[in-house]
Amino acid sequence: MTELPLPDYDQTPLGALRHRIRSLDEQQLNTLLSHEREHGARVPVLQILNARLEELRHGVEPSPGDPAAAPPSSDSAGGSSVGEATAAEGTTPLRHGVAGQTPRRGRP
């Protein structure tokens, strides 16, 4: 497997990816494009990579910086702290703006 030019590429959020690819050259972007087509083929990611590749082909220079120096992305799949114990209490909209007329939905 070819080493990707961005560490944690597959876990990088879309918004961060847009910024992290700015320092890559054409060859590095082509490496990411090949990887993306073979693995995820995520349309928004392909659009971002192709747009940046077009910019480079039209004379834009890669930005200075090291994409490897970016903070690692957090993979929060399944790591949410949201649950019944932390969920907001169910509410019913006020009837005509009067609190005393709002049912309590089974609460004492």
PDB file of N, CA and C in Angstrom:
ATOM      1  N   MET A   1       0.845  -1.191   0.000  1.00  0.00           N
ATOM      2  CA  MET A   1       0.000   0.000   0.000  1.00  0.00           C
ATOM      3  C   MET A   1       0.884   1.246   0.000  1.00  0.00           C
ATOM      4  N   THR A   2       0.536   2.220  -0.799  1.00  0.00           N
ATOM      5  CA  THR A   2       1.274   3.464  -0.889  1.00  0.00           C
ATOM      6  C   THR A   2       1.012   4.314   0.347  1.00  0.00           C
ATOM      7  N   GLU A   3       2.065   4.919   0.871  1.00  0.00           N
ATOM      8  CA  GLU A   3       1.923   5.829   2.014  1.00  0.00           C
ATOM      9  C   GLU A   3       1.202   7.091   1.553  1.00  0.00           C
ATOM     10  N   LEU A   4       0.155   7.477   2.258  1.00  0.00           N
ATOM     11  CA  LEU A   4      -0.610   8.662   1.885  1.00  0.00           C
ATOM     12  C   LEU A   4       0.097   9.918   2.382  1.00  0.00           C
ATOM     13  N   PRO A   5       0.002  11.022   1.635  1.00  0.00           N
ATOM     14  CA  PRO A   5       0.689  12.250   2.030  1.00  0.00           C
ATOM     15  C   PRO A   5       0.066  12.955   3.232  1.00  0.00           C
ATOM     16  N   LEU A   6      -1.115  12.541   3.655  1.00  0.00           N
ATOM     17  CA  LEU A   6      -1.752  13.123   4.838  1.00  0.00           C
ATOM     18  C   LEU A   6      -1.960  12.049   5.890  1.00  0.00           C
ATOM     19  N   PRO A   7      -1.376  12.231   7.063  1.00  0.00           N
ATOM     20  CA  PRO A   7      -1.648  11.273   8.131  1.00  0.00           C
ATOM     21  C   PRO A   7      -3.141  11.305   8.489  1.00  0.00           C
ATOM     22  N   ASP A   8      -3.698  10.192   8.831  1.00  0.00           N
ATOM     23  CA  ASP A   8      -5.109  10.088   9.230  1.00  0.00           C
ATOM     24  C   ASP A   8      -6.059  10.613   8.158  1.00  0.00           C
ATOM     25  N   TYR A   9      -5.689  10.460   6.895  1.00  0.00           N
ATOM     26  CA  TYR A   9      -6.514  10.976   5.796  1.00  0.00           C
ATOM     27  C   TYR A   9      -7.954  10.479   5.878  1.00  0.00           C
ATOM     28  N   ASP A  10      -8.132   9.195   6.101  1.00  0.00           N
ATOM     29  CA  ASP A  10      -9.476   8.618   6.074  1.00  0.00           C
ATOM     30  C   ASP A  10     -10.362   9.103   7.221  1.00  0.00           C
ATOM     31  N   GLN A  11      -9.774   9.633   8.282  1.00  0.00           N
ATOM     32  CA  GLN A  11     -10.549  10.133   9.416  1.00  0.00           C
ATOM     33  C   GLN A  11     -10.638  11.656   9.436  1.00  0.00           C
ATOM     34  N   THR A  12     -10.048  12.315   8.451  1.00  0.00           N
ATOM     35  CA  THR A  12     -10.040  13.776   8.427  1.00  0.00           C
ATOM     36  C   THR A  12     -11.415  14.302   8.028  1.00  0.00           C
ATOM     37  N   PRO A  13     -12.011  15.177   8.847  1.00  0.00           N
ATOM     38  CA  PRO A  13     -13.310  15.760   8.489  1.00  0.00           C
ATOM     39  C   PRO A  13     -13.190  16.590   7.210  1.00  0.00           C
ATOM     40  N   LEU A  14     -14.270  16.699   6.491  1.00  0.00           N
ATOM     41  CA  LEU A  14     -14.292  17.384   5.208  1.00  0.00           C
ATOM     42  C   LEU A  14     -13.766  18.817   5.307  1.00  0.00           C
ATOM     43  N   GLY A  15     -14.183  19.555   6.311  1.00  0.00           N
ATOM     44  CA  GLY A  15     -13.727  20.940   6.471  1.00  0.00           C
ATOM     45  C   GLY A  15     -12.235  21.041   6.689  1.00  0.00           C
ATOM     46  N   ALA A  16     -11.668  20.134   7.460  1.00  0.00           N
ATOM     47  CA  ALA A  16     -10.225  20.145   7.702  1.00  0.00           C
ATOM     48  C   ALA A  16      -9.460  19.695   6.467  1.00  0.00           C
ATOM     49  N   LEU A  17     -10.030  18.780   5.716  1.00  0.00           N
ATOM     50  CA  LEU A  17      -9.364  18.275   4.519  1.00  0.00           C
ATOM     51  C   LEU A  17      -9.107  19.400   3.529  1.00  0.00           C
ATOM     52  N   ARG A  18     -10.073  20.262   3.374  1.00  0.00           N
ATOM     53  CA  ARG A  18      -9.955  21.388   2.442  1.00  0.00           C
ATOM     54  C   ARG A  18      -8.710  22.223   2.751  1.00  0.00           C
ATOM     55  N   HIS A  19      -8.389  22.394   4.021  1.00  0.00           N
ATOM     56  CA  HIS A  19      -7.233  23.192   4.418  1.00  0.00           C
ATOM     57  C   HIS A  19      -5.940  22.385   4.382  1.00  0.00           C
ATOM     58  N   ARG A  20      -6.025  21.133   4.758  1.00  0.00           N
ATOM     59  CA  ARG A  20      -4.817  20.312   4.834  1.00  0.00           C
ATOM     60  C   ARG A  20      -4.223  19.986   3.471  1.00  0.00           C
ATOM     61  N   ILE A  21      -5.030  19.984   2.419  1.00  0.00           N
ATOM     62  CA  ILE A  21      -4.496  19.648   1.093  1.00  0.00           C
ATOM     63  C   ILE A  21      -3.821  20.837   0.415  1.00  0.00           C
ATOM     64  N   ARG A  22      -3.904  22.018   0.989  1.00  0.00           N
ATOM     65  CA  ARG A  22      -3.346  23.214   0.355  1.00  0.00           C
ATOM     66  C   ARG A  22      -1.833  23.156   0.196  1.00  0.00           C
ATOM     67  N   SER A  23      -1.159  22.384   1.023  1.00  0.00           N
ATOM     68  CA  SER A  23       0.297  22.309   0.926  1.00  0.00           C
ATOM     69  C   SER A  23       0.767  21.162   0.031  1.00  0.00           C
ATOM     70  N   LEU A  24      -0.166  20.394  -0.509  1.00  0.00           N
ATOM     71  CA  LEU A  24       0.208  19.249  -1.339  1.00  0.00           C
ATOM     72  C   LEU A  24       0.465  19.668  -2.785  1.00  0.00           C
ATOM     73  N   ASP A  25       1.377  18.946  -3.423  1.00  0.00           N
ATOM     74  CA  ASP A  25       1.626  19.196  -4.842  1.00  0.00           C
ATOM     75  C   ASP A  25       0.735  18.280  -5.683  1.00  0.00           C
ATOM     76  N   GLU A  26       0.872  18.398  -7.003  1.00  0.00           N
ATOM     77  CA  GLU A  26       0.009  17.646  -7.920  1.00  0.00           C
ATOM     78  C   GLU A  26       0.140  16.133  -7.738  1.00  0.00           C
ATOM     79  N   GLN A  27       1.347  15.663  -7.591  1.00  0.00           N
ATOM     80  CA  GLN A  27       1.577  14.221  -7.422  1.00  0.00           C
ATOM     81  C   GLN A  27       0.925  13.710  -6.137  1.00  0.00           C
ATOM     82  N   GLN A  28       1.060  14.457  -5.054  1.00  0.00           N
ATOM     83  CA  GLN A  28       0.460  14.053  -3.785  1.00  0.00           C
ATOM     84  C   GLN A  28      -1.068  14.045  -3.880  1.00  0.00           C
ATOM     85  N   LEU A  29      -1.629  15.043  -4.553  1.00  0.00           N
ATOM     86  CA  LEU A  29      -3.087  15.069  -4.733  1.00  0.00           C
ATOM     87  C   LEU A  29      -3.557  13.889  -5.567  1.00  0.00           C
ATOM     88  N   ASN A  30      -2.798  13.548  -6.602  1.00  0.00           N
ATOM     89  CA  ASN A  30      -3.158  12.389  -7.419  1.00  0.00           C
ATOM     90  C   ASN A  30      -3.119  11.101  -6.605  1.00  0.00           C
ATOM     91  N   THR A  31      -2.180  11.007  -5.661  1.00  0.00           N
ATOM     92  CA  THR A  31      -2.120   9.845  -4.769  1.00  0.00           C
ATOM     93  C   THR A  31      -3.396   9.757  -3.937  1.00  0.00           C
ATOM     94  N   LEU A  32      -3.827  10.898  -3.379  1.00  0.00           N
ATOM     95  CA  LEU A  32      -5.067  10.918  -2.587  1.00  0.00           C
ATOM     96  C   LEU A  32      -6.285  10.603  -3.452  1.00  0.00           C
ATOM     97  N   LEU A  33      -6.320  11.155  -4.658  1.00  0.00           N
ATOM     98  CA  LEU A  33      -7.445  10.879  -5.561  1.00  0.00           C
ATOM     99  C   LEU A  33      -7.547   9.391  -5.877  1.00  0.00           C
ATOM    100  N   SER A  34      -6.425   8.762  -6.165  1.00  0.00           N
ATOM    101  CA  SER A  34      -6.429   7.319  -6.455  1.00  0.00           C
ATOM    102  C   SER A  34      -6.921   6.532  -5.252  1.00  0.00           C
ATOM    103  N   HIS A  35      -6.419   6.892  -4.081  1.00  0.00           N
ATOM    104  CA  HIS A  35      -6.824   6.202  -2.846  1.00  0.00           C
ATOM    105  C   HIS A  35      -8.331   6.376  -2.619  1.00  0.00           C
ATOM    106  N   GLU A  36      -8.811   7.598  -2.784  1.00  0.00           N
ATOM    107  CA  GLU A  36     -10.232   7.872  -2.549  1.00  0.00           C
ATOM    108  C   GLU A  36     -11.108   7.113  -3.540  1.00  0.00           C
ATOM    109  N   ARG A  37     -10.727   7.089  -4.791  1.00  0.00           N
ATOM    110  CA  ARG A  37     -11.523   6.367  -5.802  1.00  0.00           C
ATOM    111  C   ARG A  37     -11.576   4.877  -5.498  1.00  0.00           C
ATOM    112  N   GLU A  38     -10.476   4.322  -5.003  1.00  0.00           N
ATOM    113  CA  GLU A  38     -10.405   2.883  -4.721  1.00  0.00           C
ATOM    114  C   GLU A  38     -11.082   2.490  -3.413  1.00  0.00           C
ATOM    115  N   HIS A  39     -11.191   3.411  -2.488  1.00  0.00           N
ATOM    116  CA  HIS A  39     -11.692   3.040  -1.160  1.00  0.00           C
ATOM    117  C   HIS A  39     -13.057   3.620  -0.825  1.00  0.00           C
ATOM    118  N   GLY A  40     -13.176   4.916  -0.721  1.00  0.00           N
ATOM    119  CA  GLY A  40     -14.436   5.500  -0.284  1.00  0.00           C
ATOM    120  C   GLY A  40     -15.279   6.046  -1.413  1.00  0.00           C
ATOM    121  N   ALA A  41     -14.624   6.638  -2.392  1.00  0.00           N
ATOM    122  CA  ALA A  41     -15.303   7.297  -3.515  1.00  0.00           C
ATOM    123  C   ALA A  41     -16.380   8.262  -3.019  1.00  0.00           C
ATOM    124  N   ARG A  42     -16.038   9.014  -1.965  1.00  0.00           N
ATOM    125  CA  ARG A  42     -16.974   9.991  -1.402  1.00  0.00           C
ATOM    126  C   ARG A  42     -17.015  11.202  -2.331  1.00  0.00           C
ATOM    127  N   VAL A  43     -18.178  11.497  -2.855  1.00  0.00           N
ATOM    128  CA  VAL A  43     -18.336  12.555  -3.857  1.00  0.00           C
ATOM    129  C   VAL A  43     -17.818  13.902  -3.345  1.00  0.00           C
ATOM    130  N   PRO A  44     -18.179  14.365  -2.133  1.00  0.00           N
ATOM    131  CA  PRO A  44     -17.672  15.671  -1.690  1.00  0.00           C
ATOM    132  C   PRO A  44     -16.139  15.708  -1.599  1.00  0.00           C
ATOM    133  N   VAL A  45     -15.537  14.607  -1.179  1.00  0.00           N
ATOM    134  CA  VAL A  45     -14.079  14.545  -1.070  1.00  0.00           C
ATOM    135  C   VAL A  45     -13.456  14.593  -2.462  1.00  0.00           C
ATOM    136  N   LEU A  46     -13.997  13.834  -3.392  1.00  0.00           N
ATOM    137  CA  LEU A  46     -13.482  13.853  -4.765  1.00  0.00           C
ATOM    138  C   LEU A  46     -13.613  15.249  -5.374  1.00  0.00           C
ATOM    139  N   GLN A  47     -14.702  15.943  -5.085  1.00  0.00           N
ATOM    140  CA  GLN A  47     -14.888  17.295  -5.600  1.00  0.00           C
ATOM    141  C   GLN A  47     -13.821  18.245  -5.060  1.00  0.00           C
ATOM    142  N   ILE A  48     -13.533  18.148  -3.774  1.00  0.00           N
ATOM    143  CA  ILE A  48     -12.522  19.019  -3.162  1.00  0.00           C
ATOM    144  C   ILE A  48     -11.142  18.730  -3.739  1.00  0.00           C
ATOM    145  N   LEU A  49     -10.798  17.453  -3.845  1.00  0.00           N
ATOM    146  CA  LEU A  49      -9.485  17.076  -4.374  1.00  0.00           C
ATOM    147  C   LEU A  49      -9.337  17.499  -5.836  1.00  0.00           C
ATOM    148  N   ASN A  50     -10.363  17.267  -6.635  1.00  0.00           N
ATOM    149  CA  ASN A  50     -10.310  17.661  -8.046  1.00  0.00           C
ATOM    150  C   ASN A  50     -10.243  19.174  -8.219  1.00  0.00           C
ATOM    151  N   ALA A  51     -10.975  19.912  -7.394  1.00  0.00           N
ATOM    152  CA  ALA A  51     -10.939  21.377  -7.472  1.00  0.00           C
ATOM    153  C   ALA A  51      -9.536  21.893  -7.155  1.00  0.00           C
ATOM    154  N   ARG A  52      -8.916  21.325  -6.118  1.00  0.00           N
ATOM    155  CA  ARG A  52      -7.559  21.761  -5.766  1.00  0.00           C
ATOM    156  C   ARG A  52      -6.572  21.383  -6.868  1.00  0.00           C
ATOM    157  N   LEU A  53      -6.735  20.232  -7.460  1.00  0.00           N
ATOM    158  CA  LEU A  53      -5.864  19.799  -8.550  1.00  0.00           C
ATOM    159  C   LEU A  53      -5.979  20.772  -9.736  1.00  0.00           C
ATOM    160  N   GLU A  54      -7.188  21.201 -10.042  1.00  0.00           N
ATOM    161  CA  GLU A  54      -7.388  22.182 -11.114  1.00  0.00           C
ATOM    162  C   GLU A  54      -6.709  23.509 -10.786  1.00  0.00           C
ATOM    163  N   GLU A  55      -6.792  23.926  -9.523  1.00  0.00           N
ATOM    164  CA  GLU A  55      -6.117  25.164  -9.116  1.00  0.00           C
ATOM    165  C   GLU A  55      -4.615  25.058  -9.365  1.00  0.00           C
ATOM    166  N   LEU A  56      -4.028  23.933  -8.983  1.00  0.00           N
ATOM    167  CA  LEU A  56      -2.592  23.732  -9.189  1.00  0.00           C
ATOM    168  C   LEU A  56      -2.248  23.737 -10.676  1.00  0.00           C
ATOM    169  N   ARG A  57      -3.082  23.134 -11.488  1.00  0.00           N
ATOM    170  CA  ARG A  57      -2.837  23.087 -12.930  1.00  0.00           C
ATOM    171  C   ARG A  57      -2.968  24.460 -13.589  1.00  0.00           C
ATOM    172  N   HIS A  58      -3.661  25.364 -12.922  1.00  0.00           N
ATOM    173  CA  HIS A  58      -3.815  26.723 -13.440  1.00  0.00           C
ATOM    174  C   HIS A  58      -2.831  27.703 -12.791  1.00  0.00           C
ATOM    175  N   GLY A  59      -1.792  27.176 -12.149  1.00  0.00           N
ATOM    176  CA  GLY A  59      -0.717  28.033 -11.672  1.00  0.00           C
ATOM    177  C   GLY A  59      -0.671  28.340 -10.188  1.00  0.00           C
ATOM    178  N   VAL A  60      -1.642  27.904  -9.431  1.00  0.00           N
ATOM    179  CA  VAL A  60      -1.610  28.137  -7.990  1.00  0.00           C
ATOM    180  C   VAL A  60      -0.496  27.291  -7.387  1.00  0.00           C
ATOM    181  N   GLU A  61       0.270  27.888  -6.499  1.00  0.00           N
ATOM    182  CA  GLU A  61       1.362  27.178  -5.835  1.00  0.00           C
ATOM    183  C   GLU A  61       0.868  26.556  -4.536  1.00  0.00           C
ATOM    184  N   PRO A  62       1.412  25.402  -4.162  1.00  0.00           N
ATOM    185  CA  PRO A  62       1.066  24.841  -2.849  1.00  0.00           C
ATOM    186  C   PRO A  62       1.453  25.805  -1.736  1.00  0.00           C
ATOM    187  N   SER A  63       0.661  25.854  -0.703  1.00  0.00           N
ATOM    188  CA  SER A  63       0.939  26.708   0.443  1.00  0.00           C
ATOM    189  C   SER A  63       2.087  26.136   1.254  1.00  0.00           C
ATOM    190  N   PRO A  64       2.841  26.988   1.926  1.00  0.00           N
ATOM    191  CA  PRO A  64       3.882  26.454   2.795  1.00  0.00           C
ATOM    192  C   PRO A  64       3.246  25.762   3.999  1.00  0.00           C
ATOM    193  N   GLY A  65       3.956  24.889   4.587  1.00  0.00           N
ATOM    194  CA  GLY A  65       3.449  24.178   5.757  1.00  0.00           C
ATOM    195  C   GLY A  65       3.552  22.691   5.562  1.00  0.00           C
ATOM    196  N   ASP A  66       3.392  21.992   6.642  1.00  0.00           N
ATOM    197  CA  ASP A  66       3.516  20.546   6.632  1.00  0.00           C
ATOM    198  C   ASP A  66       2.171  19.944   7.016  1.00  0.00           C
ATOM    199  N   PRO A  67       1.500  19.242   6.084  1.00  0.00           N
ATOM    200  CA  PRO A  67       0.197  18.662   6.424  1.00  0.00           C
ATOM    201  C   PRO A  67       0.292  17.625   7.530  1.00  0.00           C
ATOM    202  N   ALA A  68       1.472  17.069   7.743  1.00  0.00           N
ATOM    203  CA  ALA A  68       1.647  16.085   8.813  1.00  0.00           C
ATOM    204  C   ALA A  68       1.670  16.747  10.184  1.00  0.00           C
ATOM    205  N   ALA A  69       1.895  18.063  10.219  1.00  0.00           N
ATOM    206  CA  ALA A  69       1.972  18.770  11.496  1.00  0.00           C
ATOM    207  C   ALA A  69       0.597  19.142  12.036  1.00  0.00           C
ATOM    208  N   ALA A  70      -0.448  18.894  11.274  1.00  0.00           N
ATOM    209  CA  ALA A  70      -1.800  19.214  11.728  1.00  0.00           C
ATOM    210  C   ALA A  70      -2.170  18.325  12.906  1.00  0.00           C
ATOM    211  N   PRO A  71      -2.964  18.837  13.828  1.00  0.00           N
ATOM    212  CA  PRO A  71      -3.385  17.998  14.942  1.00  0.00           C
ATOM    213  C   PRO A  71      -4.166  16.803  14.443  1.00  0.00           C
ATOM    214  N   PRO A  72      -4.053  15.677  15.099  1.00  0.00           N
ATOM    215  CA  PRO A  72      -4.775  14.489  14.644  1.00  0.00           C
ATOM    216  C   PRO A  72      -6.277  14.698  14.753  1.00  0.00           C
ATOM    217  N   SER A  73      -6.990  14.128  13.802  1.00  0.00           N
ATOM    218  CA  SER A  73      -8.438  14.230  13.855  1.00  0.00           C
ATOM    219  C   SER A  73      -8.960  13.213  14.852  1.00  0.00           C
ATOM    220  N   SER A  74     -10.079  13.553  15.460  1.00  0.00           N
ATOM    221  CA  SER A  74     -10.650  12.636  16.436  1.00  0.00           C
ATOM    222  C   SER A  74     -11.675  11.766  15.750  1.00  0.00           C
ATOM    223  N   ASP A  75     -11.555  10.498  15.925  1.00  0.00           N
ATOM    224  CA  ASP A  75     -12.521   9.567  15.353  1.00  0.00           C
ATOM    225  C   ASP A  75     -13.555   9.290  16.428  1.00  0.00           C
ATOM    226  N   SER A  76     -14.697   9.947  16.318  1.00  0.00           N
ATOM    227  CA  SER A  76     -15.700   9.840  17.367  1.00  0.00           C
ATOM    228  C   SER A  76     -16.822   8.879  17.024  1.00  0.00           C
ATOM    229  N   ALA A  77     -16.584   7.998  16.072  1.00  0.00           N
ATOM    230  CA  ALA A  77     -17.634   7.054  15.702  1.00  0.00           C
ATOM    231  C   ALA A  77     -18.020   6.215  16.913  1.00  0.00           C
ATOM    232  N   GLY A  78     -19.255   6.326  17.318  1.00  0.00           N
ATOM    233  CA  GLY A  78     -19.744   5.554  18.455  1.00  0.00           C
ATOM    234  C   GLY A  78     -19.304   6.091  19.797  1.00  0.00           C
ATOM    235  N   GLY A  79     -18.624   7.221  19.817  1.00  0.00           N
ATOM    236  CA  GLY A  79     -18.116   7.739  21.071  1.00  0.00           C
ATOM    237  C   GLY A  79     -18.931   8.865  21.645  1.00  0.00           C
ATOM    238  N   SER A  80     -20.161   9.030  21.196  1.00  0.00           N
ATOM    239  CA  SER A  80     -20.990  10.123  21.668  1.00  0.00           C
ATOM    240  C   SER A  80     -21.426   9.891  23.107  1.00  0.00           C
ATOM    241  N   SER A  81     -21.441  10.970  23.882  1.00  0.00           N
ATOM    242  CA  SER A  81     -21.887  10.864  25.271  1.00  0.00           C
ATOM    243  C   SER A  81     -23.380  11.097  25.400  1.00  0.00           C
ATOM    244  N   VAL A  82     -24.070  11.262  24.283  1.00  0.00           N
ATOM    245  CA  VAL A  82     -25.507  11.503  24.317  1.00  0.00           C
ATOM    246  C   VAL A  82     -26.231  10.191  24.599  1.00  0.00           C
ATOM    247  N   GLY A  83     -27.157  10.253  25.513  1.00  0.00           N
ATOM    248  CA  GLY A  83     -27.951   9.084  25.872  1.00  0.00           C
ATOM    249  C   GLY A  83     -29.191   9.540  26.600  1.00  0.00           C
ATOM    250  N   GLU A  84     -29.994   8.600  27.075  1.00  0.00           N
ATOM    251  CA  GLU A  84     -31.213   8.985  27.782  1.00  0.00           C
ATOM    252  C   GLU A  84     -30.922   9.827  29.004  1.00  0.00           C
ATOM    253  N   ALA A  85     -29.836   9.509  29.700  1.00  0.00           N
ATOM    254  CA  ALA A  85     -29.513  10.238  30.920  1.00  0.00           C
ATOM    255  C   ALA A  85     -29.080  11.676  30.633  1.00  0.00           C
ATOM    256  N   THR A  86     -28.557  11.931  29.452  1.00  0.00           N
ATOM    257  CA  THR A  86     -28.070  13.269  29.134  1.00  0.00           C
ATOM    258  C   THR A  86     -28.962  14.014  28.150  1.00  0.00           C
ATOM    259  N   ALA A  87     -30.025  13.393  27.686  1.00  0.00           N
ATOM    260  CA  ALA A  87     -30.914  14.020  26.706  1.00  0.00           C
ATOM    261  C   ALA A  87     -31.741  15.112  27.362  1.00  0.00           C
ATOM    262  N   ALA A  88     -32.129  16.084  26.572  1.00  0.00           N
ATOM    263  CA  ALA A  88     -32.983  17.158  27.074  1.00  0.00           C
ATOM    264  C   ALA A  88     -34.367  16.613  27.388  1.00  0.00           C
ATOM    265  N   GLU A  89     -35.004  17.238  28.356  1.00  0.00           N
ATOM    266  CA  GLU A  89     -36.341  16.821  28.757  1.00  0.00           C
ATOM    267  C   GLU A  89     -37.330  17.172  27.651  1.00  0.00           C
ATOM    268  N   GLY A  90     -38.254  16.239  27.385  1.00  0.00           N
ATOM    269  CA  GLY A  90     -39.274  16.497  26.381  1.00  0.00           C
ATOM    270  C   GLY A  90     -40.181  17.628  26.816  1.00  0.00           C
ATOM    271  N   THR A  91     -40.559  18.489  25.887  1.00  0.00           N
ATOM    272  CA  THR A  91     -41.430  19.616  26.234  1.00  0.00           C
ATOM    273  C   THR A  91     -42.572  19.701  25.240  1.00  0.00           C
ATOM    274  N   THR A  92     -43.592  20.368  25.656  1.00  0.00           N
ATOM    275  CA  THR A  92     -44.735  20.636  24.800  1.00  0.00           C
ATOM    276  C   THR A  92     -44.832  22.141  24.662  1.00  0.00           C
ATOM    277  N   PRO A  93     -45.062  22.668  23.463  1.00  0.00           N
ATOM    278  CA  PRO A  93     -45.181  24.117  23.306  1.00  0.00           C
ATOM    279  C   PRO A  93     -46.330  24.665  24.151  1.00  0.00           C
ATOM    280  N   LEU A  94     -46.186  25.880  24.599  1.00  0.00           N
ATOM    281  CA  LEU A  94     -47.227  26.517  25.401  1.00  0.00           C
ATOM    282  C   LEU A  94     -48.471  26.733  24.550  1.00  0.00           C
ATOM    283  N   ARG A  95     -49.638  26.454  25.161  1.00  0.00           N
ATOM    284  CA  ARG A  95     -50.896  26.729  24.470  1.00  0.00           C
ATOM    285  C   ARG A  95     -51.191  28.209  24.621  1.00  0.00           C
ATOM    286  N   HIS A  96     -51.245  28.884  23.544  1.00  0.00           N
ATOM    287  CA  HIS A  96     -51.577  30.313  23.534  1.00  0.00           C
ATOM    288  C   HIS A  96     -50.657  31.113  24.447  1.00  0.00           C
ATOM    289  N   GLY A  97     -49.464  30.605  24.721  1.00  0.00           N
ATOM    290  CA  GLY A  97     -48.501  31.340  25.523  1.00  0.00           C
ATOM    291  C   GLY A  97     -48.802  31.360  26.999  1.00  0.00           C
ATOM    292  N   VAL A  98     -49.683  30.486  27.490  1.00  0.00           N
ATOM    293  CA  VAL A  98     -50.052  30.475  28.905  1.00  0.00           C
ATOM    294  C   VAL A  98     -49.528  29.198  29.539  1.00  0.00           C
ATOM    295  N   ALA A  99     -48.589  29.322  30.479  1.00  0.00           N
ATOM    296  CA  ALA A  99     -47.929  28.168  31.064  1.00  0.00           C
ATOM    297  C   ALA A  99     -48.897  27.245  31.798  1.00  0.00           C
ATOM    298  N   GLY A 100     -49.911  27.765  32.454  1.00  0.00           N
ATOM    299  CA  GLY A 100     -50.828  26.945  33.220  1.00  0.00           C
ATOM    300  C   GLY A 100     -51.695  26.041  32.364  1.00  0.00           C
ATOM    301  N   GLN A 101     -51.810  26.308  31.089  1.00  0.00           N
ATOM    302  CA  GLN A 101     -52.651  25.512  30.206  1.00  0.00           C
ATOM    303  C   GLN A 101     -51.865  24.444  29.449  1.00  0.00           C
ATOM    304  N   THR A 102     -50.583  24.354  29.696  1.00  0.00           N
ATOM    305  CA  THR A 102     -49.755  23.383  28.991  1.00  0.00           C
ATOM    306  C   THR A 102     -49.807  22.039  29.725  1.00  0.00           C
ATOM    307  N   PRO A 103     -50.149  20.953  29.030  1.00  0.00           N
ATOM    308  CA  PRO A 103     -50.170  19.642  29.695  1.00  0.00           C
ATOM    309  C   PRO A 103     -48.765  19.229  30.122  1.00  0.00           C
ATOM    310  N   ARG A 104     -48.706  18.385  31.147  1.00  0.00           N
ATOM    311  CA  ARG A 104     -47.428  17.970  31.688  1.00  0.00           C
ATOM    312  C   ARG A 104     -46.921  16.677  31.085  1.00  0.00           C
ATOM    313  N   ARG A 105     -47.587  16.117  30.130  1.00  0.00           N
ATOM    314  CA  ARG A 105     -47.173  14.893  29.441  1.00  0.00           C
ATOM    315  C   ARG A 105     -46.781  13.796  30.412  1.00  0.00           C
ATOM    316  N   GLY A 106     -47.646  13.475  31.340  1.00  0.00           N
ATOM    317  CA  GLY A 106     -47.428  12.353  32.234  1.00  0.00           C
ATOM    318  C   GLY A 106     -46.509  12.642  33.415  1.00  0.00           C
ATOM    319  N   ARG A 107     -46.056  13.856  33.586  1.00  0.00           N
ATOM    320  CA  ARG A 107     -45.200  14.188  34.741  1.00  0.00           C
ATOM    321  C   ARG A 107     -46.077  14.679  35.874  1.00  0.00           C
ATOM    322  N   PRO A 108     -45.684  14.390  37.107  1.00  0.00           N
ATOM    323  CA  PRO A 108     -46.501  14.839  38.252  1.00  0.00           C
ATOM    324  C   PRO A 108     -46.525  16.325  38.430  1.00  0.00           C
TER     325      PRO A 108
END
